[in-house]
Amino acid sequence: MELAGKTIFAFCMIVMPFMVYGDSCLDPKVKSSVYTTTEATSSMDTIFIVQFSLTCKNGLKDLTLFADVNGRTLAVTRSEDNTEFQYQVSFSDENKNLPSGKYDLKFYDEDGYSNLRKAQRSGENVGSVKSLFTIPVNHPGVWKGQLVPSEFVALAVSAAVFYFAYSTRAQLQSS
């Protein structure tokens, strides 16, 4: 019986690591919603919020994901309730650092993130690391407001009306 126990133990030690090894999401299907700040008068920073749902062909759920945008790596949060969007990532920077344009958010699972970090540490080209999927973000830029503030226009118009009324009154009184 002791030999059978050792055999089972040895079998478990050899087979268990292969059973624990995580799968990768196959053929990911992504449905996303994107928000970006478009007004600079109320915010000093541009904010990107990307919400998305992910379904894998092999049925994997609750993946740990990481996002990369312009070399900046971010953790992706996962929603616990049953909403339409299961994942969310957000980031912000000063308006001048995130000008208008198209940004590609690359998403990685744990294995891909590990490969990305390894490439960054060793100075290799991070473009060679394959992402799980990419969500494009089209940022129209931020509106900085009117060239001439409306308060100034209102003050100028009221000053012109006052001057016209005062000069007309003076002409009527002089005649």
C-alpha atoms as a PDB file:
ATOM      1  CA  MET A   1       0.000   0.000   0.000  1.00  0.00           C
ATOM      2  CA  GLU A   2       2.918   2.272   0.638  1.00  0.00           C
ATOM      3  CA  LEU A   3       4.169   1.842  -2.937  1.00  0.00           C
ATOM      4  CA  ALA A   4       0.721   2.682  -4.336  1.00  0.00           C
ATOM      5  CA  GLY A   5       0.619   5.882  -2.241  1.00  0.00           C
ATOM      6  CA  LYS A   6       4.044   6.948  -3.532  1.00  0.00           C
ATOM      7  CA  THR A   7       2.984   6.208  -7.094  1.00  0.00           C
ATOM      8  CA  ILE A   8      -0.168   8.302  -6.741  1.00  0.00           C
ATOM      9  CA  PHE A   9       1.839  11.098  -5.132  1.00  0.00           C
ATOM     10  CA  ALA A  10       4.428  11.036  -7.936  1.00  0.00           C
ATOM     11  CA  PHE A  11       1.669  10.990 -10.564  1.00  0.00           C
ATOM     12  CA  CYS A  12      -0.017  14.005  -8.930  1.00  0.00           C
ATOM     13  CA  MET A  13       3.264  15.907  -8.758  1.00  0.00           C
ATOM     14  CA  ILE A  14       3.876  15.344 -12.458  1.00  0.00           C
ATOM     15  CA  VAL A  15       0.326  15.858 -13.791  1.00  0.00           C
ATOM     16  CA  MET A  16      -1.018  18.628 -11.477  1.00  0.00           C
ATOM     17  CA  PRO A  17       1.119  21.485 -12.860  1.00  0.00           C
ATOM     18  CA  PHE A  18      -0.322  20.844 -16.324  1.00  0.00           C
ATOM     19  CA  MET A  19      -3.867  20.844 -14.966  1.00  0.00           C
ATOM     20  CA  VAL A  20      -3.359  24.149 -13.131  1.00  0.00           C
ATOM     21  CA  TYR A  21      -1.856  25.922 -16.149  1.00  0.00           C
ATOM     22  CA  GLY A  22      -4.358  28.578 -17.338  1.00  0.00           C
ATOM     23  CA  ASP A  23      -5.824  28.666 -20.792  1.00  0.00           C
ATOM     24  CA  SER A  24      -5.733  31.658 -23.052  1.00  0.00           C
ATOM     25  CA  CYS A  25      -8.839  33.273 -24.502  1.00  0.00           C
ATOM     26  CA  LEU A  26      -9.408  31.937 -28.002  1.00  0.00           C
ATOM     27  CA  ASP A  27     -11.004  34.118 -30.694  1.00  0.00           C
ATOM     28  CA  PRO A  28     -12.040  36.998 -28.351  1.00  0.00           C
ATOM     29  CA  LYS A  29     -15.198  38.908 -29.270  1.00  0.00           C
ATOM     30  CA  VAL A  30     -15.296  42.402 -27.790  1.00  0.00           C
ATOM     31  CA  LYS A  31     -18.174  44.870 -27.467  1.00  0.00           C
ATOM     32  CA  SER A  32     -16.966  48.253 -26.226  1.00  0.00           C
ATOM     33  CA  SER A  33     -18.117  51.714 -25.215  1.00  0.00           C
ATOM     34  CA  VAL A  34     -15.656  54.623 -25.082  1.00  0.00           C
ATOM     35  CA  TYR A  35     -15.830  58.045 -23.386  1.00  0.00           C
ATOM     36  CA  THR A  36     -13.250  60.816 -23.699  1.00  0.00           C
ATOM     37  CA  THR A  37     -13.237  64.318 -22.235  1.00  0.00           C
ATOM     38  CA  THR A  38     -14.039  66.907 -24.873  1.00  0.00           C
ATOM     39  CA  GLU A  39     -14.092  70.179 -22.909  1.00  0.00           C
ATOM     40  CA  ALA A  40     -10.985  71.796 -21.472  1.00  0.00           C
ATOM     41  CA  THR A  41     -12.774  74.649 -19.710  1.00  0.00           C
ATOM     42  CA  SER A  42     -14.084  72.385 -16.962  1.00  0.00           C
ATOM     43  CA  SER A  43     -11.144  69.983 -16.689  1.00  0.00           C
ATOM     44  CA  MET A  44      -7.368  70.306 -16.764  1.00  0.00           C
ATOM     45  CA  ASP A  45      -6.981  66.624 -17.690  1.00  0.00           C
ATOM     46  CA  THR A  46      -8.215  64.514 -20.564  1.00  0.00           C
ATOM     47  CA  ILE A  47      -9.917  61.363 -19.336  1.00  0.00           C
ATOM     48  CA  PHE A  48     -10.446  58.141 -21.271  1.00  0.00           C
ATOM     49  CA  ILE A  49     -12.928  55.543 -20.014  1.00  0.00           C
ATOM     50  CA  VAL A  50     -13.275  52.276 -21.923  1.00  0.00           C
ATOM     51  CA  GLN A  51     -15.907  49.723 -20.921  1.00  0.00           C
ATOM     52  CA  PHE A  52     -16.184  46.416 -22.695  1.00  0.00           C
ATOM     53  CA  SER A  53     -17.566  42.920 -22.575  1.00  0.00           C
ATOM     54  CA  LEU A  54     -15.478  39.956 -23.637  1.00  0.00           C
ATOM     55  CA  THR A  55     -16.542  36.509 -24.775  1.00  0.00           C
ATOM     56  CA  CYS A  56     -14.058  33.786 -25.602  1.00  0.00           C
ATOM     57  CA  LYS A  57     -14.673  30.947 -28.038  1.00  0.00           C
ATOM     58  CA  ASN A  58     -13.435  28.455 -25.441  1.00  0.00           C
ATOM     59  CA  GLY A  59     -15.799  29.857 -22.766  1.00  0.00           C
ATOM     60  CA  LEU A  60     -13.238  31.435 -20.424  1.00  0.00           C
ATOM     61  CA  LYS A  61     -14.669  33.985 -18.012  1.00  0.00           C
ATOM     62  CA  ASP A  62     -13.289  36.349 -15.375  1.00  0.00           C
ATOM     63  CA  LEU A  63      -9.920  36.862 -17.014  1.00  0.00           C
ATOM     64  CA  THR A  64      -7.292  39.079 -15.453  1.00  0.00           C
ATOM     65  CA  LEU A  65      -6.493  41.674 -18.104  1.00  0.00           C
ATOM     66  CA  PHE A  66      -4.020  44.504 -18.548  1.00  0.00           C
ATOM     67  CA  ALA A  67      -4.153  47.409 -21.000  1.00  0.00           C
ATOM     68  CA  ASP A  68      -1.309  49.227 -22.719  1.00  0.00           C
ATOM     69  CA  VAL A  69      -1.638  52.656 -24.309  1.00  0.00           C
ATOM     70  CA  ASN A  70       1.410  54.516 -25.598  1.00  0.00           C
ATOM     71  CA  GLY A  71       3.728  52.439 -23.401  1.00  0.00           C
ATOM     72  CA  ARG A  72       1.678  53.020 -20.263  1.00  0.00           C
ATOM     73  CA  THR A  73       0.429  49.783 -18.699  1.00  0.00           C
ATOM     74  CA  LEU A  74      -2.828  49.786 -16.714  1.00  0.00           C
ATOM     75  CA  ALA A  75      -4.777  47.199 -14.768  1.00  0.00           C
ATOM     76  CA  VAL A  76      -8.271  46.446 -16.045  1.00  0.00           C
ATOM     77  CA  THR A  77     -11.055  46.249 -13.471  1.00  0.00           C
ATOM     78  CA  ARG A  78     -13.758  43.624 -13.635  1.00  0.00           C
ATOM     79  CA  SER A  79     -17.384  44.224 -12.673  1.00  0.00           C
ATOM     80  CA  GLU A  80     -18.960  41.811 -10.199  1.00  0.00           C
ATOM     81  CA  ASP A  81     -22.578  42.501 -11.116  1.00  0.00           C
ATOM     82  CA  ASN A  82     -24.294  41.298 -14.255  1.00  0.00           C
ATOM     83  CA  THR A  83     -24.081  44.464 -16.305  1.00  0.00           C
ATOM     84  CA  GLU A  84     -23.657  44.652 -20.057  1.00  0.00           C
ATOM     85  CA  PHE A  85     -20.007  45.655 -19.709  1.00  0.00           C
ATOM     86  CA  GLN A  86     -17.858  43.331 -17.607  1.00  0.00           C
ATOM     87  CA  TYR A  87     -14.526  45.188 -17.752  1.00  0.00           C
ATOM     88  CA  GLN A  88     -13.380  48.801 -17.488  1.00  0.00           C
ATOM     89  CA  VAL A  89     -10.112  50.659 -17.837  1.00  0.00           C
ATOM     90  CA  SER A  90      -9.629  54.391 -17.394  1.00  0.00           C
ATOM     91  CA  PHE A  91      -6.699  56.755 -17.505  1.00  0.00           C
ATOM     92  CA  SER A  92      -6.032  60.459 -17.588  1.00  0.00           C
ATOM     93  CA  ASP A  93      -3.273  62.886 -18.412  1.00  0.00           C
ATOM     94  CA  GLU A  94      -2.910  66.597 -19.044  1.00  0.00           C
ATOM     95  CA  ASN A  95      -4.738  67.895 -22.103  1.00  0.00           C
ATOM     96  CA  LYS A  96      -1.476  68.722 -23.878  1.00  0.00           C
ATOM     97  CA  ASN A  97      -0.196  65.129 -23.441  1.00  0.00           C
ATOM     98  CA  LEU A  98      -3.309  63.542 -24.999  1.00  0.00           C
ATOM     99  CA  PRO A  99      -4.018  65.545 -28.161  1.00  0.00           C
ATOM    100  CA  SER A 100      -6.727  64.665 -30.639  1.00  0.00           C
ATOM    101  CA  GLY A 101      -6.144  61.497 -32.624  1.00  0.00           C
ATOM    102  CA  LYS A 102      -6.562  57.759 -32.661  1.00  0.00           C
ATOM    103  CA  TYR A 103      -5.246  55.708 -29.764  1.00  0.00           C
ATOM    104  CA  ASP A 104      -5.007  51.918 -29.785  1.00  0.00           C
ATOM    105  CA  LEU A 105      -5.561  50.281 -26.414  1.00  0.00           C
ATOM    106  CA  LYS A 106      -3.911  46.875 -26.512  1.00  0.00           C
ATOM    107  CA  PHE A 107      -5.174  44.306 -24.045  1.00  0.00           C
ATOM    108  CA  TYR A 108      -3.166  41.404 -22.655  1.00  0.00           C
ATOM    109  CA  ASP A 109      -3.985  38.394 -20.506  1.00  0.00           C
ATOM    110  CA  GLU A 110      -1.545  37.349 -17.762  1.00  0.00           C
ATOM    111  CA  ASP A 111       0.773  35.498 -20.161  1.00  0.00           C
ATOM    112  CA  GLY A 112       0.814  38.344 -22.672  1.00  0.00           C
ATOM    113  CA  TYR A 113       1.402  40.883 -19.897  1.00  0.00           C
ATOM    114  CA  SER A 114       4.309  38.808 -18.634  1.00  0.00           C
ATOM    115  CA  ASN A 115       5.809  38.763 -22.137  1.00  0.00           C
ATOM    116  CA  LEU A 116       5.241  42.518 -22.470  1.00  0.00           C
ATOM    117  CA  ARG A 117       7.013  43.255 -19.169  1.00  0.00           C
ATOM    118  CA  LYS A 118       9.884  40.957 -20.128  1.00  0.00           C
ATOM    119  CA  ALA A 119      10.294  42.801 -23.441  1.00  0.00           C
ATOM    120  CA  GLN A 120      10.198  46.182 -21.663  1.00  0.00           C
ATOM    121  CA  ARG A 121      12.818  45.133 -19.103  1.00  0.00           C
ATOM    122  CA  SER A 122      15.185  43.701 -21.695  1.00  0.00           C
ATOM    123  CA  GLY A 123      14.780  46.664 -24.058  1.00  0.00           C
ATOM    124  CA  GLU A 124      13.280  44.576 -26.848  1.00  0.00           C
ATOM    125  CA  ASN A 125      10.660  45.820 -29.289  1.00  0.00           C
ATOM    126  CA  VAL A 126       7.314  45.659 -27.453  1.00  0.00           C
ATOM    127  CA  GLY A 127       5.520  45.718 -30.809  1.00  0.00           C
ATOM    128  CA  SER A 128       6.527  42.100 -31.295  1.00  0.00           C
ATOM    129  CA  VAL A 129       4.457  41.030 -28.262  1.00  0.00           C
ATOM    130  CA  LYS A 130       1.030  39.918 -29.487  1.00  0.00           C
ATOM    131  CA  SER A 131      -1.930  41.425 -27.694  1.00  0.00           C
ATOM    132  CA  LEU A 132      -5.127  39.501 -26.985  1.00  0.00           C
ATOM    133  CA  PHE A 133      -7.218  42.217 -28.696  1.00  0.00           C
ATOM    134  CA  THR A 134      -7.154  45.954 -29.416  1.00  0.00           C
ATOM    135  CA  ILE A 135      -9.821  48.609 -28.894  1.00  0.00           C
ATOM    136  CA  PRO A 136      -9.374  51.775 -30.971  1.00  0.00           C
ATOM    137  CA  VAL A 137     -10.196  55.073 -29.250  1.00  0.00           C
ATOM    138  CA  ASN A 138     -10.879  58.085 -31.459  1.00  0.00           C
ATOM    139  CA  HIS A 139     -10.308  61.191 -29.350  1.00  0.00           C
ATOM    140  CA  PRO A 140     -11.655  64.340 -31.052  1.00  0.00           C
ATOM    141  CA  GLY A 141      -9.590  66.607 -28.811  1.00  0.00           C
ATOM    142  CA  VAL A 142     -10.708  69.089 -26.216  1.00  0.00           C
ATOM    143  CA  TRP A 143     -12.620  72.276 -26.837  1.00  0.00           C
ATOM    144  CA  LYS A 144     -10.781  75.157 -25.227  1.00  0.00           C
ATOM    145  CA  GLY A 145     -13.681  77.563 -25.316  1.00  0.00           C
ATOM    146  CA  GLN A 146     -14.551  80.636 -27.343  1.00  0.00           C
ATOM    147  CA  LEU A 147     -11.863  82.988 -28.619  1.00  0.00           C
ATOM    148  CA  VAL A 148     -13.778  85.913 -27.123  1.00  0.00           C
ATOM    149  CA  PRO A 149     -15.602  85.177 -23.842  1.00  0.00           C
ATOM    150  CA  SER A 150     -19.342  85.834 -23.881  1.00  0.00           C
ATOM    151  CA  GLU A 151     -18.994  88.126 -20.835  1.00  0.00           C
ATOM    152  CA  PHE A 152     -16.745  90.439 -22.858  1.00  0.00           C
ATOM    153  CA  VAL A 153     -19.212  90.501 -25.773  1.00  0.00           C
ATOM    154  CA  ALA A 154     -22.081  91.321 -23.405  1.00  0.00           C
ATOM    155  CA  LEU A 155     -20.053  94.112 -21.783  1.00  0.00           C
ATOM    156  CA  ALA A 156     -19.077  95.566 -25.181  1.00  0.00           C
ATOM    157  CA  VAL A 157     -22.690  95.516 -26.441  1.00  0.00           C
ATOM    158  CA  SER A 158     -24.032  97.112 -23.250  1.00  0.00           C
ATOM    159  CA  ALA A 159     -21.303  99.799 -23.418  1.00  0.00           C
ATOM    160  CA  ALA A 160     -22.225 100.527 -27.061  1.00  0.00           C
ATOM    161  CA  VAL A 161     -25.942 100.748 -26.195  1.00  0.00           C
ATOM    162  CA  PHE A 162     -25.170 103.044 -23.234  1.00  0.00           C
ATOM    163  CA  TYR A 163     -22.957 105.283 -25.414  1.00  0.00           C
ATOM    164  CA  PHE A 164     -25.616 105.440 -28.166  1.00  0.00           C
ATOM    165  CA  ALA A 165     -28.382 106.233 -25.643  1.00  0.00           C
ATOM    166  CA  TYR A 166     -26.276 108.834 -23.823  1.00  0.00           C
ATOM    167  CA  SER A 167     -25.165 110.576 -27.049  1.00  0.00           C
ATOM    168  CA  THR A 168     -28.734 110.571 -28.423  1.00  0.00           C
ATOM    169  CA  ARG A 169     -30.041 112.030 -25.140  1.00  0.00           C
ATOM    170  CA  ALA A 170     -27.359 114.718 -25.226  1.00  0.00           C
ATOM    171  CA  GLN A 171     -28.283 115.650 -28.813  1.00  0.00           C
ATOM    172  CA  LEU A 172     -31.998 115.848 -27.935  1.00  0.00           C
ATOM    173  CA  GLN A 173     -31.335 118.068 -24.916  1.00  0.00           C
ATOM    174  CA  SER A 174     -29.033 120.399 -26.875  1.00  0.00           C
ATOM    175  CA  SER A 175     -31.640 121.103 -29.549  1.00  0.00           C
END
